[in-house]
Protein backbone atom coordinates (compact mmCIF):
# COMPACT_ATOMS: atom_id res chain seq x y z
CA MET A 1 113.95 106.44 88.07
CA PHE A 2 115.09 107.99 91.32
CA SER A 3 118.35 106.85 92.81
CA PHE A 4 119.21 108.28 96.21
CA LYS A 5 122.85 108.32 97.32
CA SER A 6 122.47 109.89 100.75
CA PRO A 7 119.69 110.46 103.33
CA ARG A 8 119.98 114.22 102.80
CA ARG A 9 119.63 113.95 99.00
CA ARG A 10 116.83 111.43 99.46
CA THR A 11 114.90 113.76 101.74
CA ALA A 12 115.44 116.68 99.38
CA ARG A 13 114.24 114.75 96.35
CA ILE A 14 111.19 113.39 98.13
CA ALA A 15 110.37 116.94 99.21
CA ALA A 16 110.81 118.12 95.63
CA VAL A 17 108.38 115.48 94.39
CA GLY A 18 105.88 116.52 97.04
CA ALA A 19 106.25 120.15 96.07
CA LEU A 20 105.76 119.30 92.42
CA ALA A 21 102.62 117.35 93.23
CA ALA A 22 101.21 120.34 95.06
CA ALA A 23 102.09 122.67 92.20
CA VAL A 24 100.77 120.47 89.43
CA CYS A 25 97.57 119.27 91.02
CA VAL A 26 94.48 121.30 91.56
CA THR A 27 93.24 118.78 94.10
CA VAL A 28 95.09 116.11 96.07
CA MET A 29 94.09 113.40 98.45
CA ALA A 30 95.85 111.82 101.36
CA GLY A 31 97.96 109.06 99.89
CA SER A 32 96.08 107.41 97.11
CA ALA A 33 97.63 104.02 96.70
CA GLY A 34 99.65 103.28 93.63
CA ALA A 35 102.10 100.38 93.38
CA ILE A 36 102.54 97.23 95.43
CA VAL A 37 105.21 97.32 98.13
CA ASN A 38 106.48 93.87 99.16
CA GLY A 39 104.28 92.08 96.66
CA SER A 40 105.57 89.31 94.41
CA ASP A 41 105.76 88.59 90.68
CA SER A 42 102.44 87.46 89.26
CA THR A 43 101.89 83.72 89.61
CA GLU A 44 99.27 83.34 86.88
CA SER A 45 97.84 85.09 83.85
CA TYR A 46 95.41 87.95 84.43
CA PRO A 47 93.99 88.78 80.99
CA PHE A 48 91.75 91.47 82.47
CA MET A 49 94.65 93.51 83.90
CA ALA A 50 95.08 96.84 82.13
CA THR A 51 97.60 99.68 82.32
CA ILE A 52 97.01 103.35 81.50
CA PRO A 53 100.31 105.12 80.62
CA GLU A 54 100.56 108.77 81.69
CA SER A 55 103.11 111.57 81.67
CA ALA A 56 103.80 115.18 82.66
CA PRO A 57 106.28 116.35 80.01
CA ASP A 58 106.12 120.03 80.93
CA GLN A 59 107.36 119.14 84.40
CA GLY A 60 110.06 116.76 83.17
CA LEU A 61 108.11 113.71 84.34
CA ILE A 62 107.59 110.65 82.17
CA ASP A 63 106.73 106.99 82.43
CA GLY A 64 103.74 107.06 84.76
CA ASN A 65 100.75 104.79 84.95
CA CYS A 66 97.45 103.94 86.57
CA GLY A 67 95.90 100.49 86.64
CA ALA A 68 92.53 99.38 85.32
CA SER A 69 90.39 96.26 84.81
CA LEU A 70 88.87 95.01 81.56
CA ILE A 71 85.17 94.47 82.36
CA ASP A 72 83.91 94.31 78.76
CA ARG A 73 85.86 93.74 75.56
CA GLN A 74 85.70 97.48 74.84
CA TRP A 75 85.63 98.95 78.35
CA VAL A 76 88.02 99.23 81.29
CA LEU A 77 87.21 100.33 84.83
CA THR A 78 89.59 102.58 86.75
CA ALA A 79 89.68 105.27 89.45
CA ALA A 80 88.20 108.71 88.82
CA HIS A 81 91.29 110.37 90.25
CA CYS A 82 93.34 108.81 87.43
CA LEU A 83 91.41 110.90 84.91
CA LYS A 84 89.97 113.96 86.60
CA VAL A 85 92.79 116.11 87.96
CA GLU A 86 94.66 118.51 85.69
CA GLY A 87 98.42 118.39 85.22
CA ILE A 88 99.42 115.00 83.86
CA LYS A 89 98.41 113.92 80.36
CA LEU A 90 97.28 110.47 79.45
CA ASP A 91 99.31 108.95 76.65
CA GLY A 92 96.01 108.10 74.98
CA ILE A 93 96.31 104.31 75.08
CA VAL A 94 95.51 101.35 77.32
CA ARG A 95 97.51 98.11 77.40
CA VAL A 96 95.37 95.08 78.19
CA GLY A 97 96.27 91.56 79.26
CA SER A 98 100.03 91.73 79.73
CA ASP A 99 102.11 90.74 82.73
CA HIS A 100 104.73 93.28 81.60
CA ARG A 101 104.31 97.00 82.07
CA LYS A 102 105.53 98.14 78.64
CA SER A 103 105.20 95.18 76.32
CA GLY A 104 102.84 92.40 75.38
CA GLY A 105 99.08 92.22 75.56
CA THR A 106 96.87 94.35 73.34
CA VAL A 107 97.18 98.12 72.99
CA ARG A 108 94.14 100.22 72.14
CA LYS A 109 93.59 103.96 71.86
CA ILE A 110 91.28 105.59 74.37
CA ASP A 111 88.07 106.61 72.64
CA ARG A 112 86.25 108.28 75.51
CA THR A 113 86.29 108.59 79.30
CA PHE A 114 83.42 108.68 81.80
CA VAL A 115 84.02 109.89 85.36
CA HIS A 116 81.35 109.26 87.98
CA PRO A 117 79.37 112.51 88.31
CA GLY A 118 79.54 112.37 92.10
CA TYR A 119 83.32 112.06 92.32
CA VAL A 120 84.89 114.22 95.04
CA ASN A 121 88.60 114.22 95.78
CA GLY A 122 89.45 113.94 99.47
CA ASP A 123 91.85 116.89 99.15
CA ASN A 124 94.44 115.29 101.41
CA LYS A 125 92.02 115.32 104.32
CA ALA A 126 89.60 112.46 103.75
CA ALA A 127 88.85 109.50 101.50
CA ASN A 128 87.83 110.10 97.91
CA LYS A 129 84.12 109.72 97.22
CA ASN A 130 82.72 107.92 94.17
CA ASP A 131 86.30 107.35 92.97
CA ILE A 132 85.41 105.36 89.88
CA ALA A 133 85.54 105.91 86.11
CA LEU A 134 85.15 104.09 82.80
CA ILE A 135 87.24 104.20 79.64
CA ARG A 136 85.82 103.14 76.29
CA LEU A 137 88.46 101.70 74.00
CA GLU A 138 88.67 102.56 70.33
CA ARG A 139 87.72 98.97 69.45
CA PRO A 140 87.29 95.66 71.30
CA VAL A 141 90.11 93.41 72.45
CA ALA A 142 90.31 89.61 72.43
CA GLN A 143 91.15 89.24 76.13
CA GLN A 144 88.57 87.80 78.50
CA PRO A 145 87.01 90.48 80.76
CA ILE A 146 86.63 89.95 84.48
CA LYS A 147 83.18 89.67 86.00
CA ILE A 148 82.16 92.19 88.63
CA ALA A 149 81.18 90.30 91.77
CA GLU A 150 77.58 90.51 92.91
CA GLN A 151 78.91 91.59 96.27
CA ALA A 152 82.22 91.92 98.05
CA GLY A 153 82.94 89.16 100.51
CA ARG A 154 82.51 89.63 104.23
CA PRO A 155 85.41 90.93 106.34
CA GLY A 156 88.08 88.25 106.40
CA THR A 157 87.44 87.09 102.83
CA PRO A 158 90.74 86.42 100.98
CA THR A 159 91.44 88.89 98.17
CA ARG A 160 94.32 89.77 95.87
CA LEU A 161 95.72 93.09 94.59
CA LEU A 162 97.41 93.56 91.21
CA GLY A 163 99.55 96.41 89.94
CA PHE A 164 102.64 97.80 88.22
CA GLY A 165 103.41 100.57 90.72
CA THR A 166 106.47 101.25 92.81
CA THR A 167 107.81 98.50 95.01
CA VAL A 168 109.40 100.91 97.49
CA ASP A 169 107.55 103.24 99.89
CA THR A 170 109.58 106.39 99.30
CA ASP A 171 111.09 105.78 95.89
CA PHE A 172 109.90 105.26 92.34
CA LYS A 173 111.00 101.74 91.42
CA PHE A 174 108.50 100.29 89.01
CA PRO A 175 108.64 96.59 88.18
CA ASP A 176 108.56 95.37 84.61
CA ARG A 177 106.63 92.32 85.83
CA LEU A 178 103.10 92.55 87.19
CA GLN A 179 103.00 92.36 90.98
CA GLU A 180 100.40 90.67 93.14
CA LEU A 181 99.67 90.73 96.86
CA ASN A 182 97.39 88.53 98.92
CA THR A 183 95.11 90.51 101.19
CA ARG A 184 91.77 90.20 102.97
CA ARG A 185 88.63 92.25 103.29
CA GLY A 186 88.83 94.34 106.40
CA ALA A 187 86.05 95.55 108.65
CA GLU A 188 85.17 99.25 108.38
CA SER A 189 86.63 99.72 111.87
CA GLU A 190 90.06 98.56 110.66
CA CYS A 191 90.37 101.71 108.55
CA ALA A 192 90.36 105.27 109.89
CA PRO A 193 86.98 106.66 111.01
CA GLY A 194 84.95 107.87 108.03
CA TYR A 195 87.11 106.13 105.43
CA ALA A 196 85.47 102.77 104.77
CA ASP A 197 81.75 102.30 104.14
CA ARG A 198 79.41 100.47 101.76
CA THR A 199 81.11 102.01 98.73
CA ARG A 200 84.71 101.95 100.01
CA LEU A 201 86.34 98.68 101.04
CA CYS A 202 88.92 98.52 103.80
CA THR A 203 91.72 96.17 102.75
CA ILE A 204 94.25 94.49 105.03
CA THR A 205 97.49 92.83 103.93
CA THR A 206 98.27 89.24 104.89
CA VAL A 207 101.97 89.86 104.18
CA PRO A 208 104.00 91.98 106.64
CA LYS A 209 104.71 95.58 105.60
CA ALA A 210 102.96 95.34 102.23
CA MET A 211 100.20 97.21 100.41
CA ALA A 212 99.38 98.92 97.13
CA CYS A 213 101.30 102.15 96.58
CA PHE A 214 102.31 104.82 94.00
CA GLY A 215 101.08 103.75 90.56
CA ASP A 216 98.52 101.06 91.41
CA SER A 217 95.63 103.53 91.49
CA GLY A 218 92.66 102.30 89.47
CA GLY A 219 93.89 98.72 89.49
CA PRO A 220 91.94 95.64 90.61
CA GLN A 221 91.20 93.96 93.90
CA VAL A 222 89.83 90.49 93.18
CA GLN A 223 88.31 87.58 95.04
CA LYS A 224 87.52 84.00 94.01
CA GLY A 225 83.91 83.39 92.97
CA ARG A 226 81.94 80.20 93.56
CA ASP A 227 83.21 78.82 90.26
CA GLY A 228 86.80 79.38 91.34
CA ARG A 229 87.35 82.25 88.92
CA TRP A 230 88.52 85.71 89.86
CA GLU A 231 85.82 88.35 90.33
CA LEU A 232 86.37 92.09 90.63
CA ILE A 233 85.39 93.69 93.92
CA GLY A 234 87.57 96.77 94.25
CA VAL A 235 89.29 99.64 92.42
CA THR A 236 92.47 100.98 94.05
CA SER A 237 91.58 104.39 95.49
CA GLY A 238 93.83 105.36 98.39
CA PRO A 239 95.03 104.66 101.91
CA GLY A 240 92.73 103.44 104.61
CA THR A 241 94.22 105.87 107.08
CA PRO A 242 95.99 109.20 106.55
CA GLY A 243 99.64 110.05 106.99
CA VAL A 244 101.32 106.62 106.86
CA PRO A 245 103.65 104.98 104.31
CA CYS A 246 102.03 102.61 101.83
CA SER A 247 103.49 99.50 103.45
CA GLN A 248 101.87 100.32 106.79
CA GLY A 249 98.38 99.99 105.28
CA PRO A 250 95.49 99.57 105.35
CA GLY A 251 94.31 100.24 101.80
CA LEU A 252 91.02 101.67 100.56
CA TYR A 253 89.23 100.38 97.46
CA THR A 254 86.16 101.67 95.67
CA SER A 255 83.60 98.86 95.71
CA ALA A 256 82.87 97.76 92.13
CA PRO A 257 79.68 95.89 93.13
CA ALA A 258 78.32 99.04 94.76
CA TYR A 259 78.57 100.87 91.41
CA ALA A 260 77.36 98.05 89.16
CA GLY A 261 74.22 100.01 88.24
CA TRP A 262 76.16 103.11 87.18
CA ILE A 263 78.66 100.97 85.27
CA ASP A 264 75.95 99.09 83.37
CA ARG A 265 74.00 102.24 82.50
CA THR A 266 77.08 104.09 81.33
CA MET A 267 78.21 101.29 79.05
CA LYS A 268 74.73 100.66 77.61
CA ASN A 269 74.07 104.34 76.97
CA ASN A 270 77.43 104.81 75.28
CA SER A 271 78.02 101.53 73.50
CA ALA A 272 78.54 103.35 70.20
CA ARG A 273 79.53 106.94 69.58
CA PRO A 274 76.67 108.96 68.04
CA ALA A 275 77.34 110.11 64.47
CA ALA A 276 76.98 113.75 65.53
CA ASP A 277 79.79 113.25 68.03
CA LYS A 278 82.35 111.82 65.61
CA GLY A 279 83.50 115.16 64.34
CA SER A 280 84.00 116.86 67.68
CA ASP A 281 87.22 116.93 69.64
CA LEU A 282 85.56 116.84 73.03
CA ALA A 283 82.71 114.71 74.25
CA GLU A 284 80.36 115.92 76.93
CA THR A 285 81.36 113.25 79.42
CA GLY A 286 84.87 112.59 78.26
CA THR A 287 87.53 113.16 75.65
CA ASN A 288 87.51 111.91 72.09
CA ASP A 289 91.00 110.56 71.40
CA ASN A 290 91.88 111.49 67.83
CA THR A 291 95.45 112.42 68.77
CA ALA A 292 98.41 110.66 70.30
CA ALA A 293 97.69 112.11 73.74
CA ILE A 294 94.52 113.17 75.47
CA ALA A 295 94.62 116.88 76.25
CA GLY A 296 92.62 118.17 79.16
CA VAL A 297 92.08 114.79 80.80
CA ALA A 298 94.79 114.23 83.37
CA ALA A 299 95.78 111.73 85.96
CA ALA A 300 96.20 112.82 89.54
CA LEU A 301 99.55 113.28 91.20
CA ILE A 302 98.38 112.27 94.62
CA VAL A 303 100.31 112.44 97.85
CA ALA A 304 100.69 108.99 99.38
CA GLY A 305 103.19 108.32 102.10
CA GLY A 306 105.40 111.10 100.73
CA GLY A 307 104.94 110.22 97.07
CA THR A 308 102.27 110.12 94.38
CA ALA A 309 99.53 107.72 93.47
CA VAL A 310 100.39 107.84 89.82
CA ALA A 311 103.76 106.26 89.23
CA VAL A 312 106.02 108.78 87.55
CA ARG A 313 109.70 108.87 86.70
CA ARG A 314 111.82 111.99 86.45
CA ARG A 315 113.38 112.51 83.04
CA ASN A 316 117.17 112.68 83.10
CA THR A 317 117.34 116.30 82.03
CA ARG A 318 117.99 119.72 83.47
CA ARG A 319 114.36 120.64 83.00
CA ALA A 320 113.87 120.02 86.68
CA ALA A 321 110.51 119.61 88.35
């Protein structure tokens, strides 16, 4: 974890992280959100919350993560940019149903990944498009999945964000305990022009200087359904306006209801791996995880308010990044 002892060293290290992100990533976007700044410890159990550990060992970076949501006992939903960009390797597992980042819940190997075919990274200039992906777990879990809402609430509807990302705008301080933040649906006009639309939800904090940040990417935005239970409406994608720290908001979330058709088709068409596919190392739409780590499927290091969307920690070694 970074520890800055002076403004000069802090600036230098932040610059080094930014330079590393540019070197490692093939594509970047403007500030994909990751962890929750000025959130609070979780106040209830969220059995659908999932964490995807990631690393970049060749660059001396370890202990990263994206978020995800359990939407079926064998499937989690996350952001495409957590899987699609080269440079950082997935650890090959998903932890489901824990309010602690590195313990508890149920751990399953990743069997296969499915990135939306229309995904386009904003390349640090615009919002990501179709920033959504599915992960099929090696076998089902016992935790209760979250239902995808039929539609996201109107602007002003109360929502909540969940994540294990950094709690500080310009540092990498990842909480052991799951963080939550109360927010509301924003109008499209409350995000930068061209950012929010039918498939991308503008999200406004109800707590001063707070929003998702580095490491929350792929995690859930939820709202209460008519039965009082949480329903999934959003997948953490990025900032709602370019060039501002995470805490300044707003946030941008891929609308889960808008992609319900693609999600259903993908899960139904791939509910069981074909026998012919079992012996191959690579699947056409994803990676078959027969090893400890998934090679070739990487999570994005994404510039967000001077940091990255995937929470990463520098290894205490001279193999500098």
